[in-house]
Amino acid sequence: MVLSDLIIPGYTDKLQFVSYNLSSCYIKMFLLSVLMLHAYLLHS
């Protein structure tokens, strides 16, 4: 009981941390692609 109480909250915290990092990484890639597309349209 105590062991599962220790493991499960840490696992869910790690899962939330990973999902947050993935979402922020996708947002950064999206913004980068938008900026590159904007620069491409300006130069053409």
PDB file of N, CA and C in Angstrom:
ATOM      1  N   MET A   1       0.832  -1.199   0.000  1.00  0.00           N
ATOM      2  CA  MET A   1       0.000   0.000   0.000  1.00  0.00           C
ATOM      3  C   MET A   1       0.868   1.251   0.000  1.00  0.00           C
ATOM      4  N   VAL A   2       1.848   1.284   0.910  1.00  0.00           N
ATOM      5  CA  VAL A   2       2.726   2.453   0.985  1.00  0.00           C
ATOM      6  C   VAL A   2       3.587   2.552  -0.267  1.00  0.00           C
ATOM      7  N   LEU A   3       4.015   1.401  -0.774  1.00  0.00           N
ATOM      8  CA  LEU A   3       4.883   1.391  -1.949  1.00  0.00           C
ATOM      9  C   LEU A   3       4.142   1.946  -3.167  1.00  0.00           C
ATOM     10  N   SER A   4       2.889   1.516  -3.348  1.00  0.00           N
ATOM     11  CA  SER A   4       2.120   2.018  -4.492  1.00  0.00           C
ATOM     12  C   SER A   4       1.791   3.499  -4.307  1.00  0.00           C
ATOM     13  N   ASP A   5       1.592   3.924  -3.061  1.00  0.00           N
ATOM     14  CA  ASP A   5       1.339   5.346  -2.799  1.00  0.00           C
ATOM     15  C   ASP A   5       2.563   6.188  -3.143  1.00  0.00           C
ATOM     16  N   LEU A   6       3.746   5.604  -3.022  1.00  0.00           N
ATOM     17  CA  LEU A   6       4.968   6.340  -3.359  1.00  0.00           C
ATOM     18  C   LEU A   6       5.204   6.339  -4.866  1.00  0.00           C
ATOM     19  N   ILE A   7       4.938   5.208  -5.523  1.00  0.00           N
ATOM     20  CA  ILE A   7       5.299   5.065  -6.938  1.00  0.00           C
ATOM     21  C   ILE A   7       4.308   5.793  -7.848  1.00  0.00           C
ATOM     22  N   ILE A   8       3.007   5.629  -7.597  1.00  0.00           N
ATOM     23  CA  ILE A   8       1.996   6.135  -8.531  1.00  0.00           C
ATOM     24  C   ILE A   8       1.980   7.665  -8.652  1.00  0.00           C
ATOM     25  N   PRO A   9       2.037   8.436  -7.543  1.00  0.00           N
ATOM     26  CA  PRO A   9       2.078   9.897  -7.721  1.00  0.00           C
ATOM     27  C   PRO A   9       3.318  10.369  -8.479  1.00  0.00           C
ATOM     28  N   GLY A  10       4.469   9.752  -8.222  1.00  0.00           N
ATOM     29  CA  GLY A  10       5.674  10.119  -8.954  1.00  0.00           C
ATOM     30  C   GLY A  10       5.549   9.793 -10.430  1.00  0.00           C
ATOM     31  N   TYR A  11       4.885   8.678 -10.726  1.00  0.00           N
ATOM     32  CA  TYR A  11       4.709   8.283 -12.129  1.00  0.00           C
ATOM     33  C   TYR A  11       3.788   9.251 -12.857  1.00  0.00           C
ATOM     34  N   THR A  12       2.709   9.662 -12.196  1.00  0.00           N
ATOM     35  CA  THR A  12       1.784  10.601 -12.832  1.00  0.00           C
ATOM     36  C   THR A  12       2.435  11.971 -12.994  1.00  0.00           C
ATOM     37  N   ASP A  13       3.264  12.369 -12.022  1.00  0.00           N
ATOM     38  CA  ASP A  13       3.983  13.637 -12.147  1.00  0.00           C
ATOM     39  C   ASP A  13       4.942  13.594 -13.324  1.00  0.00           C
ATOM     40  N   LYS A  14       5.631  12.467 -13.487  1.00  0.00           N
ATOM     41  CA  LYS A  14       6.571  12.326 -14.600  1.00  0.00           C
ATOM     42  C   LYS A  14       5.824  12.318 -15.927  1.00  0.00           C
ATOM     43  N   LEU A  15       4.649  11.707 -15.941  1.00  0.00           N
ATOM     44  CA  LEU A  15       3.852  11.648 -17.163  1.00  0.00           C
ATOM     45  C   LEU A  15       3.371  13.043 -17.554  1.00  0.00           C
ATOM     46  N   GLN A  16       2.911  13.820 -16.563  1.00  0.00           N
ATOM     47  CA  GLN A  16       2.485  15.192 -16.836  1.00  0.00           C
ATOM     48  C   GLN A  16       3.658  16.041 -17.306  1.00  0.00           C
ATOM     49  N   PHE A  17       4.844  15.811 -16.706  1.00  0.00           N
ATOM     50  CA  PHE A  17       6.033  16.568 -17.082  1.00  0.00           C
ATOM     51  C   PHE A  17       6.412  16.286 -18.530  1.00  0.00           C
ATOM     52  N   VAL A  18       6.363  15.002 -18.914  1.00  0.00           N
ATOM     53  CA  VAL A  18       6.720  14.615 -20.282  1.00  0.00           C
ATOM     54  C   VAL A  18       5.705  15.168 -21.281  1.00  0.00           C
ATOM     55  N   SER A  19       4.414  15.082 -20.945  1.00  0.00           N
ATOM     56  CA  SER A  19       3.390  15.574 -21.864  1.00  0.00           C
ATOM     57  C   SER A  19       3.480  17.093 -22.007  1.00  0.00           C
ATOM     58  N   TYR A  20       3.824  17.792 -20.912  1.00  0.00           N
ATOM     59  CA  TYR A  20       3.980  19.243 -20.978  1.00  0.00           C
ATOM     60  C   TYR A  20       5.169  19.609 -21.858  1.00  0.00           C
ATOM     61  N   ASN A  21       6.282  18.867 -21.717  1.00  0.00           N
ATOM     62  CA  ASN A  21       7.457  19.140 -22.536  1.00  0.00           C
ATOM     63  C   ASN A  21       7.168  18.857 -24.006  1.00  0.00           C
ATOM     64  N   LEU A  22       6.412  17.798 -24.289  1.00  0.00           N
ATOM     65  CA  LEU A  22       6.075  17.476 -25.671  1.00  0.00           C
ATOM     66  C   LEU A  22       5.193  18.557 -26.279  1.00  0.00           C
ATOM     67  N   SER A  23       4.213  19.032 -25.520  1.00  0.00           N
ATOM     68  CA  SER A  23       3.312  20.049 -26.051  1.00  0.00           C
ATOM     69  C   SER A  23       4.054  21.356 -26.292  1.00  0.00           C
ATOM     70  N   SER A  24       4.955  21.727 -25.383  1.00  0.00           N
ATOM     71  CA  SER A  24       5.717  22.959 -25.570  1.00  0.00           C
ATOM     72  C   SER A  24       6.674  22.818 -26.748  1.00  0.00           C
ATOM     73  N   CYS A  25       7.196  21.603 -26.962  1.00  0.00           N
ATOM     74  CA  CYS A  25       8.086  21.364 -28.099  1.00  0.00           C
ATOM     75  C   CYS A  25       7.300  21.489 -29.402  1.00  0.00           C
ATOM     76  N   TYR A  26       6.072  20.963 -29.437  1.00  0.00           N
ATOM     77  CA  TYR A  26       5.243  21.082 -30.633  1.00  0.00           C
ATOM     78  C   TYR A  26       4.888  22.538 -30.905  1.00  0.00           C
ATOM     79  N   ILE A  27       4.626  23.299 -29.835  1.00  0.00           N
ATOM     80  CA  ILE A  27       4.297  24.720 -30.000  1.00  0.00           C
ATOM     81  C   ILE A  27       5.498  25.477 -30.562  1.00  0.00           C
ATOM     82  N   LYS A  28       6.705  25.162 -30.063  1.00  0.00           N
ATOM     83  CA  LYS A  28       7.910  25.822 -30.564  1.00  0.00           C
ATOM     84  C   LYS A  28       8.149  25.476 -32.028  1.00  0.00           C
ATOM     85  N   MET A  29       7.950  24.209 -32.402  1.00  0.00           N
ATOM     86  CA  MET A  29       8.135  23.801 -33.793  1.00  0.00           C
ATOM     87  C   MET A  29       7.105  24.477 -34.689  1.00  0.00           C
ATOM     88  N   PHE A  30       5.873  24.614 -34.185  1.00  0.00           N
ATOM     89  CA  PHE A  30       4.822  25.272 -34.955  1.00  0.00           C
ATOM     90  C   PHE A  30       5.152  26.742 -35.178  1.00  0.00           C
ATOM     91  N   LEU A  31       5.596  27.430 -34.118  1.00  0.00           N
ATOM     92  CA  LEU A  31       5.959  28.839 -34.247  1.00  0.00           C
ATOM     93  C   LEU A  31       7.146  29.015 -35.177  1.00  0.00           C
ATOM     94  N   LEU A  32       8.106  28.088 -35.097  1.00  0.00           N
ATOM     95  CA  LEU A  32       9.279  28.170 -35.957  1.00  0.00           C
ATOM     96  C   LEU A  32       8.887  27.996 -37.417  1.00  0.00           C
ATOM     97  N   SER A  33       7.982  27.051 -37.698  1.00  0.00           N
ATOM     98  CA  SER A  33       7.552  26.833 -39.076  1.00  0.00           C
ATOM     99  C   SER A  33       6.761  28.028 -39.597  1.00  0.00           C
ATOM    100  N   VAL A  34       5.966  28.657 -38.718  1.00  0.00           N
ATOM    101  CA  VAL A  34       5.214  29.848 -39.125  1.00  0.00           C
ATOM    102  C   VAL A  34       6.169  30.993 -39.448  1.00  0.00           C
ATOM    103  N   LEU A  35       7.203  31.156 -38.625  1.00  0.00           N
ATOM    104  CA  LEU A  35       8.181  32.211 -38.878  1.00  0.00           C
ATOM    105  C   LEU A  35       8.939  31.967 -40.174  1.00  0.00           C
ATOM    106  N   MET A  36       9.308  30.703 -40.428  1.00  0.00           N
ATOM    107  CA  MET A  36      10.028  30.376 -41.658  1.00  0.00           C
ATOM    108  C   MET A  36       9.145  30.600 -42.877  1.00  0.00           C
ATOM    109  N   LEU A  37       7.860  30.247 -42.769  1.00  0.00           N
ATOM    110  CA  LEU A  37       6.930  30.467 -43.877  1.00  0.00           C
ATOM    111  C   LEU A  37       6.733  31.959 -44.122  1.00  0.00           C
ATOM    112  N   HIS A  38       6.651  32.735 -43.047  1.00  0.00           N
ATOM    113  CA  HIS A  38       6.489  34.183 -43.158  1.00  0.00           C
ATOM    114  C   HIS A  38       7.713  34.800 -43.839  1.00  0.00           C
ATOM    115  N   ALA A  39       8.910  34.369 -43.439  1.00  0.00           N
ATOM    116  CA  ALA A  39      10.131  34.892 -44.051  1.00  0.00           C
ATOM    117  C   ALA A  39      10.208  34.484 -45.520  1.00  0.00           C
ATOM    118  N   TYR A  40       9.762  33.268 -45.832  1.00  0.00           N
ATOM    119  CA  TYR A  40       9.784  32.798 -47.221  1.00  0.00           C
ATOM    120  C   TYR A  40       8.830  33.623 -48.082  1.00  0.00           C
ATOM    121  N   LEU A  41       7.672  33.942 -47.541  1.00  0.00           N
ATOM    122  CA  LEU A  41       6.707  34.739 -48.300  1.00  0.00           C
ATOM    123  C   LEU A  41       7.192  36.174 -48.464  1.00  0.00           C
ATOM    124  N   LEU A  42       7.920  36.696 -47.483  1.00  0.00           N
ATOM    125  CA  LEU A  42       8.439  38.054 -47.592  1.00  0.00           C
ATOM    126  C   LEU A  42       9.534  38.141 -48.653  1.00  0.00           C
ATOM    127  N   HIS A  43      10.387  37.111 -48.718  1.00  0.00           N
ATOM    128  CA  HIS A  43      11.520  37.161 -49.644  1.00  0.00           C
ATOM    129  C   HIS A  43      11.106  36.852 -51.079  1.00  0.00           C
ATOM    130  N   SER A  44       9.990  36.145 -51.266  1.00  0.00           N
ATOM    131  CA  SER A  44       9.612  35.758 -52.623  1.00  0.00           C
ATOM    132  C   SER A  44       8.852  36.867 -53.351  1.00  0.00           C
TER     133      SER A  44
END
